[in-house]
PDB file of N, CA and C in Angstrom:
ATOM      1  N   MET A   1      -9.758  14.383 -58.404  1.00  0.00           N
ATOM      2  CA  MET A   1     -10.256  13.571 -57.283  1.00  0.00           C
ATOM      3  C   MET A   1      -9.889  14.397 -55.941  1.00  0.00           C
ATOM      4  N   ALA A   2     -10.840  14.406 -55.046  1.00  0.00           N
ATOM      5  CA  ALA A   2     -10.697  15.298 -53.806  1.00  0.00           C
ATOM      6  C   ALA A   2      -9.658  14.556 -52.938  1.00  0.00           C
ATOM      7  N   ASP A   3      -8.999  15.360 -52.067  1.00  0.00           N
ATOM      8  CA  ASP A   3      -8.028  14.781 -51.114  1.00  0.00           C
ATOM      9  C   ASP A   3      -8.770  14.444 -49.919  1.00  0.00           C
ATOM     10  N   TYR A   4      -8.929  13.167 -49.557  1.00  0.00           N
ATOM     11  CA  TYR A   4      -9.669  12.707 -48.426  1.00  0.00           C
ATOM     12  C   TYR A   4      -8.792  12.682 -47.106  1.00  0.00           C
ATOM     13  N   THR A   5      -7.500  12.823 -47.184  1.00  0.00           N
ATOM     14  CA  THR A   5      -6.621  12.928 -46.130  1.00  0.00           C
ATOM     15  C   THR A   5      -5.854  14.144 -45.973  1.00  0.00           C
ATOM     16  N   PRO A   6      -6.538  15.334 -45.697  1.00  0.00           N
ATOM     17  CA  PRO A   6      -5.877  16.604 -45.730  1.00  0.00           C
ATOM     18  C   PRO A   6      -4.883  16.628 -44.537  1.00  0.00           C
ATOM     19  N   ALA A   7      -3.926  17.660 -44.530  1.00  0.00           N
ATOM     20  CA  ALA A   7      -3.017  17.795 -43.503  1.00  0.00           C
ATOM     21  C   ALA A   7      -3.731  18.189 -42.119  1.00  0.00           C
ATOM     22  N   SER A   8      -3.268  17.735 -41.150  1.00  0.00           N
ATOM     23  CA  SER A   8      -3.944  18.099 -39.875  1.00  0.00           C
ATOM     24  C   SER A   8      -3.632  19.564 -39.532  1.00  0.00           C
ATOM     25  N   TYR A   9      -4.639  20.114 -38.674  1.00  0.00           N
ATOM     26  CA  TYR A   9      -4.500  21.422 -38.299  1.00  0.00           C
ATOM     27  C   TYR A   9      -3.445  21.532 -37.182  1.00  0.00           C
ATOM     28  N   LYS A  10      -2.406  22.350 -37.426  1.00  0.00           N
ATOM     29  CA  LYS A  10      -1.306  22.463 -36.518  1.00  0.00           C
ATOM     30  C   LYS A  10      -1.347  23.770 -35.624  1.00  0.00           C
ATOM     31  N   GLY A  11      -2.507  24.340 -35.565  1.00  0.00           N
ATOM     32  CA  GLY A  11      -2.608  25.549 -34.678  1.00  0.00           C
ATOM     33  C   GLY A  11      -2.447  26.816 -35.521  1.00  0.00           C
ATOM     34  N   ASP A  12      -2.560  27.861 -34.679  1.00  0.00           N
ATOM     35  CA  ASP A  12      -2.301  29.228 -35.193  1.00  0.00           C
ATOM     36  C   ASP A  12      -0.956  29.423 -35.544  1.00  0.00           C
ATOM     37  N   PRO A  13      -0.502  29.877 -36.779  1.00  0.00           N
ATOM     38  CA  PRO A  13       0.876  30.057 -37.135  1.00  0.00           C
ATOM     39  C   PRO A  13       1.441  31.242 -36.411  1.00  0.00           C
ATOM     40  N   ALA A  14       0.658  32.114 -35.806  1.00  0.00           N
ATOM     41  CA  ALA A  14       1.270  33.182 -35.065  1.00  0.00           C
ATOM     42  C   ALA A  14       1.806  32.769 -33.678  1.00  0.00           C
ATOM     43  N   ILE A  15       1.204  31.642 -33.148  1.00  0.00           N
ATOM     44  CA  ILE A  15       1.692  31.075 -31.892  1.00  0.00           C
ATOM     45  C   ILE A  15       2.793  30.054 -32.254  1.00  0.00           C
ATOM     46  N   PRO A  16       4.053  30.154 -31.489  1.00  0.00           N
ATOM     47  CA  PRO A  16       5.079  29.267 -31.777  1.00  0.00           C
ATOM     48  C   PRO A  16       4.690  27.876 -31.129  1.00  0.00           C
ATOM     49  N   HIS A  17       4.936  26.828 -31.915  1.00  0.00           N
ATOM     50  CA  HIS A  17       4.626  25.455 -31.532  1.00  0.00           C
ATOM     51  C   HIS A  17       5.915  24.695 -31.698  1.00  0.00           C
ATOM     52  N   ALA A  18       6.077  23.525 -31.137  1.00  0.00           N
ATOM     53  CA  ALA A  18       7.192  22.667 -31.275  1.00  0.00           C
ATOM     54  C   ALA A  18       7.014  21.893 -32.634  1.00  0.00           C
ATOM     55  N   ASP A  19       8.107  21.447 -33.142  1.00  0.00           N
ATOM     56  CA  ASP A  19       8.001  20.717 -34.399  1.00  0.00           C
ATOM     57  C   ASP A  19       7.505  19.258 -34.212  1.00  0.00           C
ATOM     58  N   GLU A  20       7.232  18.586 -35.244  1.00  0.00           N
ATOM     59  CA  GLU A  20       6.733  17.190 -35.066  1.00  0.00           C
ATOM     60  C   GLU A  20       7.685  16.251 -34.388  1.00  0.00           C
ATOM     61  N   GLN A  21       8.986  16.413 -34.634  1.00  0.00           N
ATOM     62  CA  GLN A  21       9.898  15.479 -33.997  1.00  0.00           C
ATOM     63  C   GLN A  21       9.865  15.658 -32.470  1.00  0.00           C
ATOM     64  N   ASN A  22       9.762  16.844 -31.932  1.00  0.00           N
ATOM     65  CA  ASN A  22       9.759  17.089 -30.383  1.00  0.00           C
ATOM     66  C   ASN A  22       8.453  16.452 -29.933  1.00  0.00           C
ATOM     67  N   PHE A  23       7.280  16.562 -30.729  1.00  0.00           N
ATOM     68  CA  PHE A  23       6.021  16.060 -30.343  1.00  0.00           C
ATOM     69  C   PHE A  23       6.055  14.492 -30.222  1.00  0.00           C
ATOM     70  N   LYS A  24       6.702  13.901 -31.210  1.00  0.00           N
ATOM     71  CA  LYS A  24       6.783  12.456 -31.270  1.00  0.00           C
ATOM     72  C   LYS A  24       7.662  11.978 -30.123  1.00  0.00           C
ATOM     73  N   ALA A  25       8.769  12.667 -29.797  1.00  0.00           N
ATOM     74  CA  ALA A  25       9.601  12.339 -28.716  1.00  0.00           C
ATOM     75  C   ALA A  25       8.890  12.335 -27.402  1.00  0.00           C
ATOM     76  N   TRP A  26       8.047  13.407 -27.264  1.00  0.00           N
ATOM     77  CA  TRP A  26       7.217  13.574 -26.013  1.00  0.00           C
ATOM     78  C   TRP A  26       6.257  12.464 -25.870  1.00  0.00           C
ATOM     79  N   ILE A  27       5.540  12.209 -26.893  1.00  0.00           N
ATOM     80  CA  ILE A  27       4.544  11.072 -26.884  1.00  0.00           C
ATOM     81  C   ILE A  27       5.243   9.736 -26.563  1.00  0.00           C
ATOM     82  N   GLY A  28       6.404   9.556 -27.286  1.00  0.00           N
ATOM     83  CA  GLY A  28       7.122   8.341 -27.083  1.00  0.00           C
ATOM     84  C   GLY A  28       7.602   8.125 -25.687  1.00  0.00           C
ATOM     85  N   GLY A  29       8.102   9.312 -25.057  1.00  0.00           N
ATOM     86  CA  GLY A  29       8.501   9.245 -23.609  1.00  0.00           C
ATOM     87  C   GLY A  29       7.272   8.876 -22.704  1.00  0.00           C
ATOM     88  N   CYS A  30       6.116   9.482 -22.987  1.00  0.00           N
ATOM     89  CA  CYS A  30       4.968   9.097 -22.165  1.00  0.00           C
ATOM     90  C   CYS A  30       4.690   7.606 -22.341  1.00  0.00           C
ATOM     91  N   TRP A  31       4.700   7.090 -23.531  1.00  0.00           N
ATOM     92  CA  TRP A  31       4.424   5.581 -23.697  1.00  0.00           C
ATOM     93  C   TRP A  31       5.467   4.779 -23.011  1.00  0.00           C
ATOM     94  N   GLY A  32       6.711   5.191 -22.992  1.00  0.00           N
ATOM     95  CA  GLY A  32       7.796   4.558 -22.392  1.00  0.00           C
ATOM     96  C   GLY A  32       7.627   4.521 -20.881  1.00  0.00           C
ATOM     97  N   PHE A  33       7.107   5.677 -20.329  1.00  0.00           N
ATOM     98  CA  PHE A  33       6.850   5.691 -18.915  1.00  0.00           C
ATOM     99  C   PHE A  33       5.797   4.830 -18.514  1.00  0.00           C
ATOM    100  N   VAL A  34       4.693   4.708 -19.285  1.00  0.00           N
ATOM    101  CA  VAL A  34       3.669   3.788 -19.074  1.00  0.00           C
ATOM    102  C   VAL A  34       4.111   2.405 -19.113  1.00  0.00           C
ATOM    103  N   ALA A  35       4.918   2.068 -20.208  1.00  0.00           N
ATOM    104  CA  ALA A  35       5.366   0.703 -20.356  1.00  0.00           C
ATOM    105  C   ALA A  35       6.292   0.245 -19.116  1.00  0.00           C
ATOM    106  N   LEU A  36       7.161   1.170 -18.593  1.00  0.00           N
ATOM    107  CA  LEU A  36       7.929   0.835 -17.456  1.00  0.00           C
ATOM    108  C   LEU A  36       7.162   0.656 -16.198  1.00  0.00           C
ATOM    109  N   ASN A  37       6.108   1.464 -16.045  1.00  0.00           N
ATOM    110  CA  ASN A  37       5.273   1.442 -14.801  1.00  0.00           C
ATOM    111  C   ASN A  37       4.545   0.075 -14.686  1.00  0.00           C
ATOM    112  N   TYR A  38       3.989  -0.420 -15.883  1.00  0.00           N
ATOM    113  CA  TYR A  38       3.157  -1.593 -15.896  1.00  0.00           C
ATOM    114  C   TYR A  38       3.897  -2.806 -16.427  1.00  0.00           C
ATOM    115  N   ALA A  39       5.187  -2.813 -16.584  1.00  0.00           N
ATOM    116  CA  ALA A  39       5.983  -3.924 -17.081  1.00  0.00           C
ATOM    117  C   ALA A  39       5.837  -5.078 -16.105  1.00  0.00           C
ATOM    118  N   THR A  40       5.883  -4.820 -14.803  1.00  0.00           N
ATOM    119  CA  THR A  40       5.694  -5.903 -13.845  1.00  0.00           C
ATOM    120  C   THR A  40       4.413  -6.626 -13.954  1.00  0.00           C
ATOM    121  N   ASP A  41       3.331  -5.976 -14.394  1.00  0.00           N
ATOM    122  CA  ASP A  41       2.130  -6.715 -14.587  1.00  0.00           C
ATOM    123  C   ASP A  41       2.168  -7.670 -15.682  1.00  0.00           C
ATOM    124  N   PHE A  42       2.938  -7.349 -16.704  1.00  0.00           N
ATOM    125  CA  PHE A  42       3.168  -8.291 -17.842  1.00  0.00           C
ATOM    126  C   PHE A  42       4.155  -9.464 -17.630  1.00  0.00           C
ATOM    127  N   PHE A  43       5.270  -9.127 -17.017  1.00  0.00           N
ATOM    128  CA  PHE A  43       6.304 -10.140 -16.877  1.00  0.00           C
ATOM    129  C   PHE A  43       6.406 -10.875 -15.532  1.00  0.00           C
ATOM    130  N   GLU A  44       5.768 -10.297 -14.488  1.00  0.00           N
ATOM    131  CA  GLU A  44       5.634 -10.877 -13.201  1.00  0.00           C
ATOM    132  C   GLU A  44       4.210 -10.919 -12.787  1.00  0.00           C
ATOM    133  N   PRO A  45       3.488 -11.859 -13.270  1.00  0.00           N
ATOM    134  CA  PRO A  45       2.010 -11.869 -12.935  1.00  0.00           C
ATOM    135  C   PRO A  45       1.812 -12.160 -11.507  1.00  0.00           C
ATOM    136  N   LYS A  46       0.760 -11.563 -11.027  1.00  0.00           N
ATOM    137  CA  LYS A  46       0.510 -11.713  -9.602  1.00  0.00           C
ATOM    138  C   LYS A  46      -0.149 -13.085  -9.293  1.00  0.00           C
ATOM    139  N   THR A  47       0.172 -13.680  -8.186  1.00  0.00           N
ATOM    140  CA  THR A  47      -0.407 -15.000  -7.861  1.00  0.00           C
ATOM    141  C   THR A  47      -1.905 -14.793  -7.583  1.00  0.00           C
ATOM    142  N   SER A  48      -2.670 -15.767  -8.057  1.00  0.00           N
ATOM    143  CA  SER A  48      -4.124 -15.692  -7.737  1.00  0.00           C
ATOM    144  C   SER A  48      -4.507 -16.386  -6.329  1.00  0.00           C
ATOM    145  N   PHE A  49      -3.441 -16.938  -5.639  1.00  0.00           N
ATOM    146  CA  PHE A  49      -3.686 -17.502  -4.427  1.00  0.00           C
ATOM    147  C   PHE A  49      -3.291 -16.703  -3.298  1.00  0.00           C
ATOM    148  N   THR A  50      -4.185 -16.178  -2.506  1.00  0.00           N
ATOM    149  CA  THR A  50      -3.891 -15.410  -1.339  1.00  0.00           C
ATOM    150  C   THR A  50      -3.484 -16.303  -0.219  1.00  0.00           C
ATOM    151  N   PRO A  51      -2.770 -15.835   0.831  1.00  0.00           N
ATOM    152  CA  PRO A  51      -2.465 -16.696   2.015  1.00  0.00           C
ATOM    153  C   PRO A  51      -3.657 -17.167   2.634  1.00  0.00           C
ATOM    154  N   ASP A  52      -4.757 -16.382   2.749  1.00  0.00           N
ATOM    155  CA  ASP A  52      -5.996 -16.907   3.362  1.00  0.00           C
ATOM    156  C   ASP A  52      -6.536 -18.059   2.607  1.00  0.00           C
ATOM    157  N   TYR A  53      -6.543 -17.981   1.274  1.00  0.00           N
ATOM    158  CA  TYR A  53      -7.145 -19.107   0.464  1.00  0.00           C
ATOM    159  C   TYR A  53      -6.188 -20.382   0.541  1.00  0.00           C
ATOM    160  N   VAL A  54      -4.954 -20.252   0.647  1.00  0.00           N
ATOM    161  CA  VAL A  54      -4.048 -21.393   0.828  1.00  0.00           C
ATOM    162  C   VAL A  54      -4.337 -22.114   2.171  1.00  0.00           C
ATOM    163  N   LEU A  55      -4.415 -21.350   3.183  1.00  0.00           N
ATOM    164  CA  LEU A  55      -4.672 -21.748   4.589  1.00  0.00           C
ATOM    165  C   LEU A  55      -6.108 -22.433   4.593  1.00  0.00           C
ATOM    166  N   ALA A  56      -7.097 -21.900   4.012  1.00  0.00           N
ATOM    167  CA  ALA A  56      -8.359 -22.486   4.004  1.00  0.00           C
ATOM    168  C   ALA A  56      -8.371 -23.810   3.285  1.00  0.00           C
ATOM    169  N   THR A  57      -7.584 -23.900   2.143  1.00  0.00           N
ATOM    170  CA  THR A  57      -7.551 -25.135   1.484  1.00  0.00           C
ATOM    171  C   THR A  57      -6.872 -26.201   2.228  1.00  0.00           C
ATOM    172  N   ALA A  58      -5.852 -25.772   2.968  1.00  0.00           N
ATOM    173  CA  ALA A  58      -5.125 -26.801   3.851  1.00  0.00           C
ATOM    174  C   ALA A  58      -5.969 -27.210   4.972  1.00  0.00           C
ATOM    175  N   GLU A  59      -6.732 -26.332   5.554  1.00  0.00           N
ATOM    176  CA  GLU A  59      -7.648 -26.717   6.564  1.00  0.00           C
ATOM    177  C   GLU A  59      -8.811 -27.689   6.183  1.00  0.00           C
ATOM    178  N   GLU A  60      -9.263 -27.442   4.990  1.00  0.00           N
ATOM    179  CA  GLU A  60     -10.252 -28.373   4.333  1.00  0.00           C
ATOM    180  C   GLU A  60      -9.662 -29.766   4.217  1.00  0.00           C
ATOM    181  N   ALA A  61      -8.431 -29.841   3.609  1.00  0.00           N
ATOM    182  CA  ALA A  61      -7.888 -31.145   3.429  1.00  0.00           C
ATOM    183  C   ALA A  61      -7.607 -31.830   4.763  1.00  0.00           C
ATOM    184  N   HIS A  62      -7.187 -31.098   5.757  1.00  0.00           N
ATOM    185  CA  HIS A  62      -6.923 -31.622   7.096  1.00  0.00           C
ATOM    186  C   HIS A  62      -8.245 -32.189   7.646  1.00  0.00           C
ATOM    187  N   ARG A  63      -9.267 -31.411   7.610  1.00  0.00           N
ATOM    188  CA  ARG A  63     -10.650 -31.816   8.068  1.00  0.00           C
ATOM    189  C   ARG A  63     -11.113 -33.085   7.415  1.00  0.00           C
ATOM    190  N   LYS A  64     -10.898 -33.190   6.071  1.00  0.00           N
ATOM    191  CA  LYS A  64     -11.248 -34.468   5.432  1.00  0.00           C
ATOM    192  C   LYS A  64     -10.498 -35.664   5.839  1.00  0.00           C
ATOM    193  N   LYS A  65      -9.207 -35.462   6.080  1.00  0.00           N
ATOM    194  CA  LYS A  65      -8.419 -36.578   6.606  1.00  0.00           C
ATOM    195  C   LYS A  65      -8.832 -36.999   7.971  1.00  0.00           C
ATOM    196  N   CYS A  66      -9.104 -36.059   8.775  1.00  0.00           N
ATOM    197  CA  CYS A  66      -9.635 -36.411  10.215  1.00  0.00           C
ATOM    198  C   CYS A  66     -10.935 -37.119  10.142  1.00  0.00           C
ATOM    199  N   ILE A  67     -11.886 -36.753   9.228  1.00  0.00           N
ATOM    200  CA  ILE A  67     -13.165 -37.446   9.148  1.00  0.00           C
ATOM    201  C   ILE A  67     -12.896 -38.943   8.623  1.00  0.00           C
ATOM    202  N   LYS A  68     -12.016 -39.066   7.625  1.00  0.00           N
ATOM    203  CA  LYS A  68     -11.687 -40.459   7.048  1.00  0.00           C
ATOM    204  C   LYS A  68     -11.109 -41.336   8.117  1.00  0.00           C
ATOM    205  N   LYS A  69     -10.217 -40.744   9.008  1.00  0.00           N
ATOM    206  CA  LYS A  69      -9.578 -41.488  10.038  1.00  0.00           C
ATOM    207  C   LYS A  69     -10.484 -41.741  11.268  1.00  0.00           C
ATOM    208  N   GLY A  70     -11.512 -40.893  11.376  1.00  0.00           N
ATOM    209  CA  GLY A  70     -12.378 -40.984  12.535  1.00  0.00           C
ATOM    210  C   GLY A  70     -11.805 -40.214  13.785  1.00  0.00           C
ATOM    211  N   LYS A  71     -10.941 -39.428  13.596  1.00  0.00           N
ATOM    212  CA  LYS A  71     -10.249 -38.657  14.652  1.00  0.00           C
ATOM    213  C   LYS A  71     -10.980 -37.279  14.778  1.00  0.00           C
ATOM    214  N   PRO A  72     -10.965 -36.731  16.090  1.00  0.00           N
ATOM    215  CA  PRO A  72     -11.482 -35.457  16.178  1.00  0.00           C
ATOM    216  C   PRO A  72     -10.707 -34.407  15.464  1.00  0.00           C
ATOM    217  N   TYR A  73     -11.432 -33.374  14.949  1.00  0.00           N
ATOM    218  CA  TYR A  73     -10.834 -32.308  14.195  1.00  0.00           C
ATOM    219  C   TYR A  73     -10.192 -31.202  15.055  1.00  0.00           C
ATOM    220  N   LYS A  74      -8.920 -30.900  14.836  1.00  0.00           N
ATOM    221  CA  LYS A  74      -8.318 -29.721  15.438  1.00  0.00           C
ATOM    222  C   LYS A  74      -7.755 -28.867  14.300  1.00  0.00           C
ATOM    223  N   SER A  75      -8.082 -27.618  14.341  1.00  0.00           N
ATOM    224  CA  SER A  75      -7.577 -26.696  13.304  1.00  0.00           C
ATOM    225  C   SER A  75      -6.034 -26.683  13.420  1.00  0.00           C
ATOM    226  N   ILE A  76      -5.360 -26.216  12.329  1.00  0.00           N
ATOM    227  CA  ILE A  76      -3.880 -26.042  12.311  1.00  0.00           C
ATOM    228  C   ILE A  76      -3.425 -25.045  13.376  1.00  0.00           C
ATOM    229  N   ALA A  77      -4.308 -24.040  13.613  1.00  0.00           N
ATOM    230  CA  ALA A  77      -3.848 -22.952  14.615  1.00  0.00           C
ATOM    231  C   ALA A  77      -3.904 -23.555  15.980  1.00  0.00           C
ATOM    232  N   GLN A  78      -4.962 -24.384  16.215  1.00  0.00           N
ATOM    233  CA  GLN A  78      -5.066 -25.037  17.573  1.00  0.00           C
ATOM    234  C   GLN A  78      -3.936 -26.001  17.895  1.00  0.00           C
ATOM    235  N   ALA A  79      -3.554 -26.663  16.855  1.00  0.00           N
ATOM    236  CA  ALA A  79      -2.508 -27.698  16.891  1.00  0.00           C
ATOM    237  C   ALA A  79      -1.189 -26.949  17.302  1.00  0.00           C
ATOM    238  N   ARG A  80      -0.924 -25.792  16.510  1.00  0.00           N
ATOM    239  CA  ARG A  80       0.304 -25.085  16.821  1.00  0.00           C
ATOM    240  C   ARG A  80       0.372 -24.528  18.261  1.00  0.00           C
ATOM    241  N   GLU A  81      -0.808 -23.951  18.687  1.00  0.00           N
ATOM    242  CA  GLU A  81      -0.860 -23.450  20.067  1.00  0.00           C
ATOM    243  C   GLU A  81      -0.553 -24.571  21.117  1.00  0.00           C
ATOM    244  N   GLU A  82      -1.189 -25.781  20.850  1.00  0.00           N
ATOM    245  CA  GLU A  82      -0.969 -26.804  21.805  1.00  0.00           C
ATOM    246  C   GLU A  82       0.461 -27.193  21.743  1.00  0.00           C
ATOM    247  N   LYS A  83       1.087 -27.291  20.669  1.00  0.00           N
ATOM    248  CA  LYS A  83       2.440 -27.747  20.494  1.00  0.00           C
ATOM    249  C   LYS A  83       3.374 -26.707  21.284  1.00  0.00           C
ATOM    250  N   ALA A  84       3.031 -25.441  21.001  1.00  0.00           N
ATOM    251  CA  ALA A  84       3.862 -24.385  21.713  1.00  0.00           C
ATOM    252  C   ALA A  84       3.681 -24.445  23.246  1.00  0.00           C
ATOM    253  N   SER A  85       2.447 -24.763  23.672  1.00  0.00           N
ATOM    254  CA  SER A  85       2.306 -24.806  25.124  1.00  0.00           C
ATOM    255  C   SER A  85       2.913 -26.050  25.705  1.00  0.00           C
ATOM    256  N   ASP A  86       2.934 -27.215  24.951  1.00  0.00           N
ATOM    257  CA  ASP A  86       3.654 -28.506  25.389  1.00  0.00           C
ATOM    258  C   ASP A  86       5.156 -28.159  25.507  1.00  0.00           C
ATOM    259  N   GLU A  87       5.744 -27.460  24.515  1.00  0.00           N
ATOM    260  CA  GLU A  87       7.143 -27.155  24.579  1.00  0.00           C
ATOM    261  C   GLU A  87       7.483 -26.294  25.745  1.00  0.00           C
ATOM    262  N   TRP A  88       6.602 -25.278  26.042  1.00  0.00           N
ATOM    263  CA  TRP A  88       6.780 -24.484  27.160  1.00  0.00           C
ATOM    264  C   TRP A  88       6.808 -25.235  28.514  1.00  0.00           C
ATOM    265  N   LYS A  89       5.780 -26.216  28.636  1.00  0.00           N
ATOM    266  CA  LYS A  89       5.682 -26.927  29.825  1.00  0.00           C
ATOM    267  C   LYS A  89       6.986 -27.805  30.006  1.00  0.00           C
ATOM    268  N   PHE A  90       7.532 -28.371  28.892  1.00  0.00           N
ATOM    269  CA  PHE A  90       8.645 -29.204  28.982  1.00  0.00           C
ATOM    270  C   PHE A  90       9.823 -28.388  29.381  1.00  0.00           C
ATOM    271  N   GLN A  91       9.969 -27.103  28.950  1.00  0.00           N
ATOM    272  CA  GLN A  91      11.041 -26.260  29.358  1.00  0.00           C
ATOM    273  C   GLN A  91      10.883 -25.873  30.821  1.00  0.00           C
ATOM    274  N   THR A  92       9.737 -25.672  31.372  1.00  0.00           N
ATOM    275  CA  THR A  92       9.613 -25.388  32.803  1.00  0.00           C
ATOM    276  C   THR A  92       9.935 -26.525  33.597  1.00  0.00           C
ATOM    277  N   ARG A  93       9.554 -27.683  33.214  1.00  0.00           N
ATOM    278  CA  ARG A  93       9.901 -28.917  33.972  1.00  0.00           C
ATOM    279  C   ARG A  93      11.434 -29.134  33.993  1.00  0.00           C
ATOM    280  N   LYS A  94      12.098 -28.739  32.968  1.00  0.00           N
ATOM    281  CA  LYS A  94      13.648 -28.810  33.060  1.00  0.00           C
ATOM    282  C   LYS A  94      14.247 -28.066  34.098  1.00  0.00           C
ATOM    283  N   TRP A  95      13.581 -26.860  34.354  1.00  0.00           N
ATOM    284  CA  TRP A  95      14.094 -25.938  35.352  1.00  0.00           C
ATOM    285  C   TRP A  95      14.004 -26.479  36.711  1.00  0.00           C
ATOM    286  N   LYS A  96      12.967 -27.341  36.880  1.00  0.00           N
ATOM    287  CA  LYS A  96      12.634 -27.850  38.252  1.00  0.00           C
ATOM    288  C   LYS A  96      13.554 -28.967  38.619  1.00  0.00           C
ATOM    289  N   ILE A  97      14.183 -29.633  37.687  1.00  0.00           N
ATOM    290  CA  ILE A  97      15.130 -30.726  38.051  1.00  0.00           C
ATOM    291  C   ILE A  97      16.420 -30.200  38.632  1.00  0.00           C
ATOM    292  N   GLU A  98      16.748 -30.786  39.799  1.00  0.00           N
ATOM    293  CA  GLU A  98      18.006 -30.400  40.475  1.00  0.00           C
ATOM    294  C   GLU A  98      19.155 -30.928  39.687  1.00  0.00           C
ATOM    295  N   ARG A  99      20.059 -30.151  39.546  1.00  0.00           N
ATOM    296  CA  ARG A  99      21.314 -30.569  38.868  1.00  0.00           C
ATOM    297  C   ARG A  99      22.427 -30.679  39.860  1.00  0.00           C
ATOM    298  N   LEU A 100      23.284 -31.637  39.545  1.00  0.00           N
ATOM    299  CA  LEU A 100      24.441 -31.855  40.394  1.00  0.00           C
ATOM    300  C   LEU A 100      25.652 -31.130  40.056  1.00  0.00           C
TER     301      LEU A 100
END
């Protein structure tokens, strides 16, 4: 019966090659490097929600609440800016009060 799994060709015997153990160690080191580089993808999966998506979802929920209550809609960014400007006006008024 013929041998269907012959020994692999190991190159020209006149050229010095590394033995099989060194080759296995080199390949194992390469796989270890790959595993360490991509380990974070397996053990710490990235979130599928970007900050823009979360903000858009919050804006949509806020818009729906305003529609149900019949109030005019203000975006979250507009509300923050108005709150900051109101705080600034309050602080400037405090400076105008004469102190004893």
